[in-house]
Amino acid sequence: MSYDPFATLLTSDAQRLLRTDLPTPLYHQLFSLLRDRILSGEAGKGARIPTEFELSAAFKVSRITAKRALDILAEELRLAQTALN
């Protein structure tokens, strides 16, 4: 069985990682959690990022919120890859 670096984010109490009392939008908090896993090296090359359905269910946010977080993540990773080339 392979290690899933995002599995701990998809636990039953995942929504506790997002703070509704902060001015930072939920999509940006979710994006930051995912980005930090990738940049720390915890999620190695080829690791499967959770889908918007998985994220919305685990974090109890709308699919639109999860999609926006994933869209920003994809754009940032694309820009980082372009800068390396």
Protein backbone atom coordinates (compact mmCIF):
# COMPACT_ATOMS: atom_id res chain seq x y z
CA MET A 1 0.00 0.00 0.00
CA SER A 2 1.40 3.38 -0.99
CA TYR A 3 1.53 6.45 1.22
CA ASP A 4 -1.07 9.13 0.45
CA PRO A 5 0.29 12.53 1.57
CA PHE A 6 -3.16 14.11 1.33
CA ALA A 7 -5.02 11.43 3.31
CA THR A 8 -4.61 13.31 6.59
CA LEU A 9 -6.34 16.30 5.02
CA LEU A 10 -9.37 14.20 4.15
CA THR A 11 -10.20 13.03 7.65
CA SER A 12 -13.58 13.40 9.32
CA ASP A 13 -12.44 16.53 11.17
CA ALA A 14 -10.75 18.19 8.18
CA GLN A 15 -13.07 21.19 8.31
CA ARG A 16 -11.39 22.18 11.59
CA LEU A 17 -8.32 23.12 9.54
CA LEU A 18 -10.27 25.96 7.91
CA ARG A 19 -10.99 29.05 10.00
CA THR A 20 -14.23 30.90 9.38
CA ASP A 21 -13.24 33.59 11.89
CA LEU A 22 -10.41 34.83 9.65
CA PRO A 23 -10.76 37.33 6.81
CA THR A 24 -8.89 34.92 4.50
CA PRO A 25 -11.38 33.24 2.14
CA LEU A 26 -11.93 29.51 2.60
CA TYR A 27 -10.74 28.73 -0.93
CA HIS A 28 -7.42 30.43 -0.20
CA GLN A 29 -7.00 28.57 3.09
CA LEU A 30 -7.67 25.29 1.29
CA PHE A 31 -5.27 26.22 -1.50
CA SER A 32 -2.59 27.02 1.10
CA LEU A 33 -3.03 23.64 2.81
CA LEU A 34 -2.60 21.81 -0.49
CA ARG A 35 0.30 23.98 -1.67
CA ASP A 36 2.14 23.56 1.62
CA ARG A 37 1.94 19.76 1.33
CA ILE A 38 3.45 19.96 -2.14
CA LEU A 39 6.14 22.54 -1.40
CA SER A 40 7.26 20.78 1.78
CA GLY A 41 8.04 17.70 -0.30
CA GLU A 42 5.53 15.66 1.66
CA ALA A 43 3.60 15.10 -1.56
CA GLY A 44 6.20 13.72 -3.92
CA LYS A 45 6.20 13.86 -7.68
CA GLY A 46 3.19 12.06 -9.07
CA ALA A 47 1.14 12.21 -5.86
CA ARG A 48 -2.60 12.30 -6.53
CA ILE A 49 -4.22 15.54 -5.45
CA PRO A 50 -7.74 15.08 -4.06
CA THR A 51 -10.63 15.91 -6.38
CA GLU A 52 -12.96 18.85 -5.83
CA PHE A 53 -15.62 16.33 -4.72
CA GLU A 54 -13.29 14.80 -2.11
CA LEU A 55 -12.21 18.21 -0.85
CA SER A 56 -15.74 19.60 -0.65
CA ALA A 57 -16.94 16.55 1.29
CA ALA A 58 -13.99 16.46 3.70
CA PHE A 59 -13.87 20.19 4.40
CA LYS A 60 -17.63 20.72 4.22
CA VAL A 61 -17.27 23.51 1.67
CA SER A 62 -19.04 24.01 -1.65
CA ARG A 63 -17.67 22.42 -4.80
CA ILE A 64 -17.09 25.93 -6.12
CA THR A 65 -14.80 26.67 -3.15
CA ALA A 66 -12.86 23.44 -3.69
CA LYS A 67 -12.65 24.06 -7.45
CA ARG A 68 -11.34 27.57 -6.93
CA ALA A 69 -8.63 26.28 -4.57
CA LEU A 70 -7.61 23.65 -7.13
CA ASP A 71 -7.65 26.17 -9.99
CA ILE A 72 -5.33 28.52 -8.10
CA LEU A 73 -3.08 25.61 -7.16
CA ALA A 74 -2.87 24.46 -10.79
CA GLU A 75 -2.03 27.98 -11.98
CA GLU A 76 0.66 28.47 -9.34
CA LEU A 77 2.25 25.11 -10.09
CA ARG A 78 2.15 25.87 -13.82
CA LEU A 79 3.90 29.21 -13.21
CA ALA A 80 6.51 27.56 -10.98
CA GLN A 81 7.18 24.91 -13.64
CA THR A 82 7.53 27.60 -16.31
CA ALA A 83 10.01 29.52 -14.15
CA LEU A 84 12.15 26.40 -13.75
CA ASN A 85 12.39 25.85 -17.50
